[in-house]
């Protein structure tokens, strides 16, 4: 029960990190596509 309470906020942070990573990846792909790589 204590473990679950500790995991809950970190899972939210992990989701934020994942969405930020995906956004960065999308921007990187867009830049690479613009330069023709």
PDB file of N, CA and C in Angstrom:
ATOM      1  N   UNK A   1       0.834  -1.193   0.000  1.00  0.00           N
ATOM      2  CA  UNK A   1       0.000   0.000   0.000  1.00  0.00           C
ATOM      3  C   UNK A   1       0.881   1.259   0.000  1.00  0.00           C
ATOM      4  N   UNK A   2       1.943   1.223   0.777  1.00  0.00           N
ATOM      5  CA  UNK A   2       2.875   2.348   0.835  1.00  0.00           C
ATOM      6  C   UNK A   2       3.616   2.482  -0.503  1.00  0.00           C
ATOM      7  N   UNK A   3       3.926   1.331  -1.082  1.00  0.00           N
ATOM      8  CA  UNK A   3       4.631   1.296  -2.364  1.00  0.00           C
ATOM      9  C   UNK A   3       3.779   1.924  -3.462  1.00  0.00           C
ATOM     10  N   UNK A   4       2.473   1.612  -3.427  1.00  0.00           N
ATOM     11  CA  UNK A   4       1.558   2.146  -4.436  1.00  0.00           C
ATOM     12  C   UNK A   4       1.472   3.669  -4.338  1.00  0.00           C
ATOM     13  N   UNK A   5       1.498   4.173  -3.116  1.00  0.00           N
ATOM     14  CA  UNK A   5       1.442   5.622  -2.900  1.00  0.00           C
ATOM     15  C   UNK A   5       2.715   6.291  -3.436  1.00  0.00           C
ATOM     16  N   UNK A   6       3.822   5.579  -3.366  1.00  0.00           N
ATOM     17  CA  UNK A   6       5.092   6.120  -3.846  1.00  0.00           C
ATOM     18  C   UNK A   6       5.176   6.061  -5.372  1.00  0.00           C
ATOM     19  N   UNK A   7       4.525   5.053  -5.950  1.00  0.00           N
ATOM     20  CA  UNK A   7       4.591   4.850  -7.399  1.00  0.00           C
ATOM     21  C   UNK A   7       3.676   5.812  -8.153  1.00  0.00           C
ATOM     22  N   UNK A   8       2.542   6.167  -7.547  1.00  0.00           N
ATOM     23  CA  UNK A   8       1.540   6.990  -8.225  1.00  0.00           C
ATOM     24  C   UNK A   8       2.081   8.325  -8.774  1.00  0.00           C
ATOM     25  N   UNK A   9       2.799   9.138  -7.973  1.00  0.00           N
ATOM     26  CA  UNK A   9       3.298  10.400  -8.507  1.00  0.00           C
ATOM     27  C   UNK A   9       4.379  10.197  -9.568  1.00  0.00           C
ATOM     28  N   UNK A  10       5.224   9.175  -9.385  1.00  0.00           N
ATOM     29  CA  UNK A  10       6.310   8.943 -10.329  1.00  0.00           C
ATOM     30  C   UNK A  10       5.759   8.467 -11.672  1.00  0.00           C
ATOM     31  N   UNK A  11       4.627   7.758 -11.628  1.00  0.00           N
ATOM     32  CA  UNK A  11       4.009   7.311 -12.878  1.00  0.00           C
ATOM     33  C   UNK A  11       3.477   8.520 -13.648  1.00  0.00           C
ATOM     34  N   UNK A  12       2.953   9.498 -12.911  1.00  0.00           N
ATOM     35  CA  UNK A  12       2.463  10.734 -13.528  1.00  0.00           C
ATOM     36  C   UNK A  12       3.634  11.495 -14.154  1.00  0.00           C
ATOM     37  N   UNK A  13       4.742  11.541 -13.428  1.00  0.00           N
ATOM     38  CA  UNK A  13       5.940  12.206 -13.938  1.00  0.00           C
ATOM     39  C   UNK A  13       6.483  11.471 -15.154  1.00  0.00           C
ATOM     40  N   UNK A  14       6.367  10.141 -15.123  1.00  0.00           N
ATOM     41  CA  UNK A  14       6.841   9.323 -16.234  1.00  0.00           C
ATOM     42  C   UNK A  14       6.012   9.614 -17.477  1.00  0.00           C
ATOM     43  N   UNK A  15       4.711   9.811 -17.290  1.00  0.00           N
ATOM     44  CA  UNK A  15       3.831  10.148 -18.406  1.00  0.00           C
ATOM     45  C   UNK A  15       4.190  11.504 -18.997  1.00  0.00           C
ATOM     46  N   UNK A  16       4.513  12.438 -18.122  1.00  0.00           N
ATOM     47  CA  UNK A  16       4.913  13.778 -18.556  1.00  0.00           C
ATOM     48  C   UNK A  16       6.232  13.708 -19.317  1.00  0.00           C
ATOM     49  N   UNK A  17       7.158  12.904 -18.794  1.00  0.00           N
ATOM     50  CA  UNK A  17       8.453  12.725 -19.430  1.00  0.00           C
ATOM     51  C   UNK A  17       8.297  12.073 -20.793  1.00  0.00           C
ATOM     52  N   UNK A  18       7.408  11.067 -20.864  1.00  0.00           N
ATOM     53  CA  UNK A  18       7.174  10.354 -22.122  1.00  0.00           C
ATOM     54  C   UNK A  18       6.571  11.279 -23.175  1.00  0.00           C
ATOM     55  N   UNK A  19       5.604  12.098 -22.765  1.00  0.00           N
ATOM     56  CA  UNK A  19       4.961  13.012 -23.716  1.00  0.00           C
ATOM     57  C   UNK A  19       5.943  14.090 -24.177  1.00  0.00           C
ATOM     58  N   UNK A  20       6.802  14.530 -23.264  1.00  0.00           N
ATOM     59  CA  UNK A  20       7.825  15.514 -23.614  1.00  0.00           C
ATOM     60  C   UNK A  20       8.830  14.919 -24.593  1.00  0.00           C
ATOM     61  N   UNK A  21       9.201  13.649 -24.336  1.00  0.00           N
ATOM     62  CA  UNK A  21      10.136  12.933 -25.199  1.00  0.00           C
ATOM     63  C   UNK A  21       9.552  12.751 -26.596  1.00  0.00           C
ATOM     64  N   UNK A  22       8.263  12.367 -26.646  1.00  0.00           N
ATOM     65  CA  UNK A  22       7.595  12.165 -27.934  1.00  0.00           C
ATOM     66  C   UNK A  22       7.475  13.475 -28.702  1.00  0.00           C
ATOM     67  N   UNK A  23       7.226  14.554 -27.976  1.00  0.00           N
ATOM     68  CA  UNK A  23       7.131  15.872 -28.604  1.00  0.00           C
ATOM     69  C   UNK A  23       8.490  16.272 -29.183  1.00  0.00           C
ATOM     70  N   UNK A  24       9.542  16.032 -28.408  1.00  0.00           N
ATOM     71  CA  UNK A  24      10.896  16.327 -28.860  1.00  0.00           C
ATOM     72  C   UNK A  24      11.281  15.478 -30.061  1.00  0.00           C
ATOM     73  N   UNK A  25      10.871  14.210 -30.028  1.00  0.00           N
ATOM     74  CA  UNK A  25      11.152  13.288 -31.124  1.00  0.00           C
ATOM     75  C   UNK A  25      10.428  13.745 -32.388  1.00  0.00           C
ATOM     76  N   UNK A  26       9.191  14.193 -32.222  1.00  0.00           N
ATOM     77  CA  UNK A  26       8.410  14.687 -33.355  1.00  0.00           C
ATOM     78  C   UNK A  26       9.042  15.937 -33.963  1.00  0.00           C
ATOM     79  N   UNK A  27       9.523  16.828 -33.099  1.00  0.00           N
ATOM     80  CA  UNK A  27      10.177  18.047 -33.572  1.00  0.00           C
ATOM     81  C   UNK A  27      11.479  17.722 -34.287  1.00  0.00           C
ATOM     82  N   UNK A  28      12.209  16.743 -33.759  1.00  0.00           N
ATOM     83  CA  UNK A  28      13.462  16.313 -34.372  1.00  0.00           C
ATOM     84  C   UNK A  28      13.201  15.732 -35.753  1.00  0.00           C
ATOM     85  N   UNK A  29      12.160  14.899 -35.859  1.00  0.00           N
ATOM     86  CA  UNK A  29      11.796  14.299 -37.138  1.00  0.00           C
ATOM     87  C   UNK A  29      11.374  15.371 -38.136  1.00  0.00           C
ATOM     88  N   UNK A  30      10.666  16.374 -37.639  1.00  0.00           N
ATOM     89  CA  UNK A  30      10.218  17.473 -38.491  1.00  0.00           C
ATOM     90  C   UNK A  30      11.423  18.254 -39.022  1.00  0.00           C
ATOM     91  N   UNK A  31      12.406  18.503 -38.157  1.00  0.00           N
ATOM     92  CA  UNK A  31      13.616  19.215 -38.562  1.00  0.00           C
ATOM     93  C   UNK A  31      14.419  18.401 -39.565  1.00  0.00           C
ATOM     94  N   UNK A  32      14.552  17.106 -39.302  1.00  0.00           N
ATOM     95  CA  UNK A  32      15.287  16.232 -40.210  1.00  0.00           C
ATOM     96  C   UNK A  32      14.585  16.154 -41.554  1.00  0.00           C
ATOM     97  N   UNK A  33      13.255  16.117 -41.533  1.00  0.00           N
ATOM     98  CA  UNK A  33      12.472  16.080 -42.765  1.00  0.00           C
ATOM     99  C   UNK A  33      12.633  17.373 -43.558  1.00  0.00           C
ATOM    100  N   UNK A  34      12.744  18.490 -42.830  1.00  0.00           N
ATOM    101  CA  UNK A  34      12.903  19.792 -43.474  1.00  0.00           C
ATOM    102  C   UNK A  34      14.253  19.892 -44.174  1.00  0.00           C
ATOM    103  N   UNK A  35      15.280  19.323 -43.543  1.00  0.00           N
ATOM    104  CA  UNK A  35      16.626  19.381 -44.117  1.00  0.00           C
ATOM    105  C   UNK A  35      16.884  18.273 -45.125  1.00  0.00           C
ATOM    106  N   UNK A  36      15.938  17.367 -45.273  1.00  0.00           N
ATOM    107  CA  UNK A  36      16.055  16.331 -46.290  1.00  0.00           C
ATOM    108  C   UNK A  36      16.835  15.103 -45.846  1.00  0.00           C
ATOM    109  N   UNK A  37      16.997  14.907 -44.544  1.00  0.00           N
ATOM    110  CA  UNK A  37      17.609  13.679 -44.041  1.00  0.00           C
ATOM    111  C   UNK A  37      16.507  12.669 -43.859  1.00  0.00           C
TER     112      UNK A  37
END
